[in-house]
Amino acid sequence: MADAERSLGNFQTLWTELSALSFEAIERAGGYATVIRFRLHNRSVCRGDVLVVLEDSVIRFHGMITSIEEGGWAVASDRRSSTIPAGVH
């Protein structure tokens, strides 16, 4: 389904553990990654869906997926509350 067809609802949330997330920080603030590029394994995820990164029961990143690149990579941003360390993981 094209992104335009999903623009009025039915967005989904993608959950992952921080220890299982392979990512690189594209933008940083205060030592935390606020925009990340990560490997996307679920092909049903689309722009506008939400990525939630947990460490045990603590939400460390909660942001919207802003782009999906060919080759299986996606970009998500959480400029307000991210507490995942910046760098490549």
C-alpha atoms as a PDB file:
ATOM      1  CA  MET A   1       0.000   0.000   0.000  1.00  0.00           C
ATOM      2  CA  ALA A   2       1.374   3.400  -0.923  1.00  0.00           C
ATOM      3  CA  ASP A   3       2.168   5.842   1.886  1.00  0.00           C
ATOM      4  CA  ALA A   4      -0.437   8.267   0.558  1.00  0.00           C
ATOM      5  CA  GLU A   5      -3.115   5.630   1.034  1.00  0.00           C
ATOM      6  CA  ARG A   6      -2.174   5.289   4.703  1.00  0.00           C
ATOM      7  CA  SER A   7      -2.088   9.017   5.424  1.00  0.00           C
ATOM      8  CA  LEU A   8      -5.389   9.067   7.315  1.00  0.00           C
ATOM      9  CA  GLY A   9      -4.724   6.369   9.889  1.00  0.00           C
ATOM     10  CA  ASN A  10      -3.842   2.821  10.770  1.00  0.00           C
ATOM     11  CA  PHE A  11      -0.266   3.605  11.640  1.00  0.00           C
ATOM     12  CA  GLN A  12       1.654   0.959  13.520  1.00  0.00           C
ATOM     13  CA  THR A  13       4.213   0.903  16.296  1.00  0.00           C
ATOM     14  CA  LEU A  14       7.463  -1.017  15.947  1.00  0.00           C
ATOM     15  CA  TRP A  15       8.925  -2.138  19.316  1.00  0.00           C
ATOM     16  CA  THR A  16      12.506  -3.274  19.858  1.00  0.00           C
ATOM     17  CA  GLU A  17      14.992  -3.713  22.690  1.00  0.00           C
ATOM     18  CA  LEU A  18      17.971  -1.346  22.678  1.00  0.00           C
ATOM     19  CA  SER A  19      20.352  -4.316  22.843  1.00  0.00           C
ATOM     20  CA  ALA A  20      18.835  -5.706  19.612  1.00  0.00           C
ATOM     21  CA  LEU A  21      18.868  -2.422  17.675  1.00  0.00           C
ATOM     22  CA  SER A  22      21.652  -1.798  15.180  1.00  0.00           C
ATOM     23  CA  PHE A  23      21.744   1.940  14.470  1.00  0.00           C
ATOM     24  CA  GLU A  24      23.870   4.978  13.796  1.00  0.00           C
ATOM     25  CA  ALA A  25      23.199   8.452  15.141  1.00  0.00           C
ATOM     26  CA  ILE A  26      22.513  10.998  12.404  1.00  0.00           C
ATOM     27  CA  GLU A  27      21.795  13.865  14.829  1.00  0.00           C
ATOM     28  CA  ARG A  28      22.854  14.206  18.452  1.00  0.00           C
ATOM     29  CA  ALA A  29      21.988  16.406  21.419  1.00  0.00           C
ATOM     30  CA  GLY A  30      23.552  16.203  24.870  1.00  0.00           C
ATOM     31  CA  GLY A  31      25.288  12.923  24.040  1.00  0.00           C
ATOM     32  CA  TYR A  32      22.056  11.239  22.958  1.00  0.00           C
ATOM     33  CA  ALA A  33      21.003  10.138  19.495  1.00  0.00           C
ATOM     34  CA  THR A  34      17.975  12.201  18.443  1.00  0.00           C
ATOM     35  CA  VAL A  35      17.771  11.035  14.810  1.00  0.00           C
ATOM     36  CA  ILE A  36      18.862   7.494  14.005  1.00  0.00           C
ATOM     37  CA  ARG A  37      19.336   5.358  10.922  1.00  0.00           C
ATOM     38  CA  PHE A  38      18.563   1.710  11.608  1.00  0.00           C
ATOM     39  CA  ARG A  39      18.190  -1.611   9.821  1.00  0.00           C
ATOM     40  CA  LEU A  40      14.535  -2.295   9.058  1.00  0.00           C
ATOM     41  CA  HIS A  41      13.618  -5.984   9.040  1.00  0.00           C
ATOM     42  CA  ASN A  42       9.833  -5.606   8.844  1.00  0.00           C
ATOM     43  CA  ARG A  43       8.824  -4.719   5.274  1.00  0.00           C
ATOM     44  CA  SER A  44       5.288  -3.753   6.329  1.00  0.00           C
ATOM     45  CA  VAL A  45       6.589  -0.685   8.202  1.00  0.00           C
ATOM     46  CA  CYS A  46       5.962   2.643   6.424  1.00  0.00           C
ATOM     47  CA  ARG A  47       6.813   6.301   6.833  1.00  0.00           C
ATOM     48  CA  GLY A  48       4.742   7.725   9.664  1.00  0.00           C
ATOM     49  CA  ASP A  49       4.889   4.564  11.758  1.00  0.00           C
ATOM     50  CA  VAL A  50       6.481   4.847  15.201  1.00  0.00           C
ATOM     51  CA  LEU A  51       9.669   3.267  16.527  1.00  0.00           C
ATOM     52  CA  VAL A  52       9.821   2.583  20.271  1.00  0.00           C
ATOM     53  CA  VAL A  53      13.129   1.439  21.742  1.00  0.00           C
ATOM     54  CA  LEU A  54      13.025  -0.161  25.182  1.00  0.00           C
ATOM     55  CA  GLU A  55      15.674  -1.068  27.705  1.00  0.00           C
ATOM     56  CA  ASP A  56      13.953  -3.466  30.067  1.00  0.00           C
ATOM     57  CA  SER A  57      10.707  -1.572  30.777  1.00  0.00           C
ATOM     58  CA  VAL A  58      12.118   1.929  30.164  1.00  0.00           C
ATOM     59  CA  ILE A  59      11.323   3.726  26.910  1.00  0.00           C
ATOM     60  CA  ARG A  60      14.635   5.137  25.642  1.00  0.00           C
ATOM     61  CA  PHE A  61      13.490   6.346  22.199  1.00  0.00           C
ATOM     62  CA  HIS A  62      10.009   7.079  20.868  1.00  0.00           C
ATOM     63  CA  GLY A  63       9.951   8.620  17.422  1.00  0.00           C
ATOM     64  CA  MET A  64       8.324   8.744  14.046  1.00  0.00           C
ATOM     65  CA  ILE A  65       9.851   6.924  11.094  1.00  0.00           C
ATOM     66  CA  THR A  66      10.528   9.747   8.647  1.00  0.00           C
ATOM     67  CA  SER A  67      12.023   7.849   5.723  1.00  0.00           C
ATOM     68  CA  ILE A  68      12.668   4.370   4.429  1.00  0.00           C
ATOM     69  CA  GLU A  69      15.650   3.854   2.161  1.00  0.00           C
ATOM     70  CA  GLU A  70      16.254   1.168  -0.401  1.00  0.00           C
ATOM     71  CA  GLY A  71      18.436  -1.568   0.979  1.00  0.00           C
ATOM     72  CA  GLY A  72      16.442  -1.987   4.181  1.00  0.00           C
ATOM     73  CA  TRP A  73      17.370   1.105   6.203  1.00  0.00           C
ATOM     74  CA  ALA A  74      15.012   3.583   7.876  1.00  0.00           C
ATOM     75  CA  VAL A  75      15.353   6.900   9.708  1.00  0.00           C
ATOM     76  CA  ALA A  76      13.446   7.857  12.868  1.00  0.00           C
ATOM     77  CA  SER A  77      13.586  10.958  15.042  1.00  0.00           C
ATOM     78  CA  ASP A  78      12.975  11.637  18.741  1.00  0.00           C
ATOM     79  CA  ARG A  79      14.270  15.142  19.402  1.00  0.00           C
ATOM     80  CA  ARG A  80      12.481  15.565  22.739  1.00  0.00           C
ATOM     81  CA  SER A  81      13.046  12.514  24.893  1.00  0.00           C
ATOM     82  CA  SER A  82      15.715  10.219  23.440  1.00  0.00           C
ATOM     83  CA  THR A  83      18.098   8.734  25.971  1.00  0.00           C
ATOM     84  CA  ILE A  84      19.940   6.301  23.710  1.00  0.00           C
ATOM     85  CA  PRO A  85      23.666   6.979  23.427  1.00  0.00           C
ATOM     86  CA  ALA A  86      24.948   8.656  20.283  1.00  0.00           C
ATOM     87  CA  GLY A  87      27.296   6.722  18.039  1.00  0.00           C
ATOM     88  CA  VAL A  88      27.166   3.595  15.928  1.00  0.00           C
ATOM     89  CA  HIS A  89      25.632   0.524  17.584  1.00  0.00           C
END
